[in-house]
C-alpha cells in the first residue's frame, strides 16, 4: 500500500513538474525587408503543456525592457508600440517588420507604462478575461528591428497561468545580437577545422 501511494505521488509530482516547466524563449532572426544591414528579431516564449502565457512586464526599473539602438516606424506620427497601426505602416514607405514593437493588439488587454524610442521599448501588458480564455502556452511577445551589428539586452517577466488558474511570474532576459552558446560552439569548431586544413596544406 505504501509503495502504491509513493508511486502515485511520484506520478503527480512528475506531471506537475512537466506542466510547470520553465519558460523557453526562442529568437527568430530574419533580414529586414528593404533595409540593408538590418535584421528583425521575433521573440517567442513557450510555457508548459496546458499552461497559458497571459501577460508580460518589460518595464521594471533601470534596465527593464529592451534597451539599445533599434528602428522605429511611426506612420503619420502614430506610435507603434503595439501592432495596432501596422496596416498603415506601408503608407509611410515601410513594412511592419521595419518596426520595433510588441506584436499584439492593445485592444486584447490592458497595457501600462508603455513607451518607445530609438533606444528603448518598454511596457507591461495583461490579456483581458475574454482573451485569456483563448490564450495558449506559446506567445510571440516582442519584435525588434536593429542593425545587424548592434546588440540589445532585455529584461522582463512573463505571466503564466496554469490549468488551475493560478498565475506565476517567469523571469526572462538575454541579449539580442549575441550568438547563442551552441552557435559559438559551431563557430569554434569551424575555426578549429579551418586551422587543421590550413596546417595540412602547409605541411
Protein backbone atom coordinates (compact mmCIF):
# COMPACT_ATOMS: atom_id res chain seq x y z
CA UNK A 1 0.00 0.00 0.00
CA UNK A 2 2.82 2.36 0.91
CA UNK A 3 4.61 1.62 -2.36
CA UNK A 4 1.45 2.25 -4.44
CA UNK A 5 0.90 5.56 -2.65
CA UNK A 6 4.54 6.54 -3.25
CA UNK A 7 4.29 5.69 -6.95
CA UNK A 8 1.03 7.60 -7.30
CA UNK A 9 2.53 10.64 -5.53
CA UNK A 10 5.61 10.45 -7.74
CA UNK A 11 3.43 10.43 -10.85
CA UNK A 12 1.54 13.52 -9.63
CA UNK A 13 4.79 15.36 -8.89
CA UNK A 14 6.26 14.45 -12.27
CA UNK A 15 3.09 15.62 -14.03
CA UNK A 16 3.15 18.89 -12.10
CA UNK A 17 6.81 19.43 -12.91
CA UNK A 18 6.21 18.73 -16.59
CA UNK A 19 3.28 21.14 -16.80
CA UNK A 20 5.19 23.90 -14.98
CA UNK A 21 8.38 23.74 -16.99
CA UNK A 22 10.46 26.88 -17.16
CA UNK A 23 9.72 29.30 -19.97
CA UNK A 24 11.72 28.76 -23.15
CA UNK A 25 12.40 31.85 -25.27
CA UNK A 26 13.29 31.40 -28.94
CA UNK A 27 14.58 34.21 -31.16
CA UNK A 28 13.94 34.09 -34.91
CA UNK A 29 16.28 36.45 -36.77
CA UNK A 30 15.45 37.41 -40.35
CA UNK A 31 16.79 40.10 -42.71
CA UNK A 32 14.60 43.21 -42.50
CA UNK A 33 12.55 43.95 -45.63
CA UNK A 34 14.14 46.62 -47.87
CA UNK A 35 16.53 47.72 -45.13
CA UNK A 36 20.10 46.64 -45.85
CA UNK A 37 22.25 45.87 -42.82
CA UNK A 38 19.25 45.35 -40.52
CA UNK A 39 17.61 42.27 -39.05
CA UNK A 40 14.27 41.75 -37.33
CA UNK A 41 14.22 39.54 -34.24
CA UNK A 42 10.92 37.95 -33.18
CA UNK A 43 10.92 36.62 -29.62
CA UNK A 44 8.54 33.76 -28.85
CA UNK A 45 8.01 32.24 -25.40
CA UNK A 46 6.81 28.69 -24.77
CA UNK A 47 5.46 27.54 -21.38
CA UNK A 48 4.49 24.06 -20.19
CA UNK A 49 1.75 21.94 -21.72
CA UNK A 50 -1.68 23.06 -20.53
CA UNK A 51 -0.41 26.48 -19.41
CA UNK A 52 -1.23 29.91 -20.82
CA UNK A 53 1.02 32.94 -21.24
CA UNK A 54 -1.28 35.83 -20.41
CA UNK A 55 0.93 38.87 -19.98
CA UNK A 56 4.35 40.44 -19.62
CA UNK A 57 6.19 43.25 -17.88
CA UNK A 58 9.12 44.81 -19.69
CA UNK A 59 9.19 47.98 -17.63
CA UNK A 60 10.76 47.26 -14.25
CA UNK A 61 13.30 49.77 -13.03
CA UNK A 62 16.51 50.81 -14.71
CA UNK A 63 17.41 48.06 -17.16
CA UNK A 64 13.85 46.71 -17.58
CA UNK A 65 12.60 46.40 -21.16
CA UNK A 66 14.54 46.32 -24.42
CA UNK A 67 17.39 48.82 -24.39
CA UNK A 68 19.66 49.67 -27.30
CA UNK A 69 19.61 51.23 -30.75
CA UNK A 70 16.52 49.98 -32.62
CA UNK A 71 14.47 51.06 -35.59
CA UNK A 72 11.04 52.59 -35.02
CA UNK A 73 8.35 53.42 -37.60
CA UNK A 74 5.65 55.90 -36.60
CA UNK A 75 3.42 56.41 -39.64
CA UNK A 76 1.84 59.87 -39.62
CA UNK A 77 3.02 60.34 -36.04
CA UNK A 78 1.15 57.28 -34.74
CA UNK A 79 3.01 55.36 -32.04
CA UNK A 80 3.53 51.70 -32.92
CA UNK A 81 4.30 50.19 -29.50
CA UNK A 82 1.73 47.51 -30.33
CA UNK A 83 0.59 46.07 -33.68
CA UNK A 84 -2.42 48.42 -33.79
CA UNK A 85 -1.16 50.61 -36.63
CA UNK A 86 0.67 48.00 -38.71
CA UNK A 87 -1.91 48.34 -41.50
CA UNK A 88 -0.87 51.94 -42.21
CA UNK A 89 2.90 51.39 -41.97
CA UNK A 90 3.16 50.69 -45.75
CA UNK A 91 1.63 54.12 -46.41
CA UNK A 92 4.68 55.57 -44.66
CA UNK A 93 7.02 53.74 -47.04
CA UNK A 94 7.94 50.91 -44.67
CA UNK A 95 6.81 47.40 -43.76
CA UNK A 96 5.72 46.09 -40.33
CA UNK A 97 9.00 44.21 -39.83
CA UNK A 98 10.82 47.58 -40.00
CA UNK A 99 9.28 48.47 -36.63
CA UNK A 100 10.23 47.51 -33.06
CA UNK A 101 7.05 46.64 -31.16
CA UNK A 102 5.07 44.24 -29.02
CA UNK A 103 3.26 42.23 -31.77
CA UNK A 104 -0.13 42.17 -30.04
CA UNK A 105 -3.24 44.31 -30.41
CA UNK A 106 -3.61 46.64 -27.43
CA UNK A 107 -7.38 46.02 -27.59
CA UNK A 108 -6.86 42.44 -26.38
CA UNK A 109 -5.81 43.53 -22.90
CA UNK A 110 -4.68 46.26 -20.54
CA UNK A 111 -1.33 47.99 -21.01
CA UNK A 112 0.53 50.33 -18.66
CA UNK A 113 3.74 52.37 -18.73
CA UNK A 114 4.29 51.80 -22.44
CA UNK A 115 6.94 53.79 -24.27
CA UNK A 116 9.18 53.57 -27.29
CA UNK A 117 12.14 55.49 -28.63
CA UNK A 118 15.14 54.93 -30.88
CA UNK A 119 16.86 53.38 -27.86
CA UNK A 120 14.14 51.54 -25.92
CA UNK A 121 10.90 49.59 -26.00
CA UNK A 122 9.09 49.23 -22.68
CA UNK A 123 5.65 48.24 -21.47
CA UNK A 124 3.53 45.98 -19.30
CA UNK A 125 0.53 44.13 -20.71
CA UNK A 126 -2.08 41.63 -19.49
CA UNK A 127 -4.72 39.94 -21.61
CA UNK A 128 -8.32 40.65 -20.66
CA UNK A 129 -10.63 37.84 -19.48
CA UNK A 130 -12.04 37.11 -22.95
CA UNK A 131 -8.58 36.70 -24.47
CA UNK A 132 -7.16 34.76 -21.52
CA UNK A 133 -9.78 32.12 -22.35
CA UNK A 134 -8.27 31.64 -25.81
CA UNK A 135 -4.60 32.06 -24.82
CA UNK A 136 -2.08 29.25 -25.32
CA UNK A 137 1.31 28.30 -23.96
CA UNK A 138 3.04 29.98 -26.92
CA UNK A 139 3.27 33.76 -27.32
CA UNK A 140 5.26 35.97 -29.69
CA UNK A 141 5.83 38.88 -27.31
CA UNK A 142 8.34 41.19 -28.98
CA UNK A 143 9.65 42.22 -32.39
CA UNK A 144 12.88 44.21 -32.54
CA UNK A 145 14.35 45.73 -35.69
CA UNK A 146 18.05 46.51 -35.23
CA UNK A 147 21.26 46.97 -37.15
CA UNK A 148 22.95 43.64 -37.75
CA UNK A 149 25.99 44.83 -35.78
CA UNK A 150 24.05 46.11 -32.74
CA UNK A 151 23.23 44.29 -29.51
CA UNK A 152 20.11 44.84 -27.40
CA UNK A 153 19.86 43.49 -23.84
CA UNK A 154 16.38 42.81 -22.49
CA UNK A 155 14.99 42.10 -19.02
CA UNK A 156 11.41 41.35 -18.03
CA UNK A 157 8.84 38.88 -16.75
CA UNK A 158 6.10 36.82 -18.37
CA UNK A 159 2.87 35.91 -16.58
CA UNK A 160 1.98 32.23 -16.88
CA UNK A 161 -1.33 30.71 -15.78
CA UNK A 162 -1.56 27.00 -15.00
CA UNK A 163 -4.52 24.70 -15.60
CA UNK A 164 -5.90 25.54 -12.13
CA UNK A 165 -5.99 29.28 -12.95
CA UNK A 166 -3.03 30.12 -10.69
CA UNK A 167 -0.60 32.71 -12.06
CA UNK A 168 3.16 32.85 -11.67
CA UNK A 169 5.89 35.13 -12.99
CA UNK A 170 8.78 33.84 -15.08
CA UNK A 171 11.90 35.99 -15.45
CA UNK A 172 13.27 36.33 -18.96
CA UNK A 173 16.44 38.10 -20.06
CA UNK A 174 19.06 37.95 -22.74
CA UNK A 175 20.85 39.99 -25.37
CA UNK A 176 19.80 40.17 -28.99
CA UNK A 177 22.70 40.08 -31.43
CA UNK A 178 24.88 37.88 -29.24
CA UNK A 179 25.31 34.33 -30.61
CA UNK A 180 23.82 31.55 -28.50
CA UNK A 181 26.35 29.19 -26.82
CA UNK A 182 25.54 26.45 -29.35
CA UNK A 183 26.23 28.85 -32.21
CA UNK A 184 29.51 29.89 -30.60
CA UNK A 185 30.47 26.21 -30.33
CA UNK A 186 29.80 25.69 -34.02
CA UNK A 187 31.86 28.77 -34.89
CA UNK A 188 34.68 27.42 -32.71
CA UNK A 189 34.54 24.02 -34.41
CA UNK A 190 34.61 25.66 -37.82
CA UNK A 191 37.68 27.68 -36.83
CA UNK A 192 39.46 24.60 -35.48
CA UNK A 193 38.59 22.68 -38.66
CA UNK A 194 39.88 25.56 -40.77
CA UNK A 195 43.15 25.68 -38.83
CA UNK A 196 43.59 21.94 -39.26
CA UNK A 197 43.01 22.21 -43.00
CA UNK A 198 45.50 25.09 -43.23
CA UNK A 199 48.12 23.03 -41.38
CA UNK A 200 47.64 20.10 -43.76
CA UNK A 201 48.10 22.36 -46.76
CA UNK A 202 51.20 23.97 -45.27
CA UNK A 203 52.62 20.59 -44.23
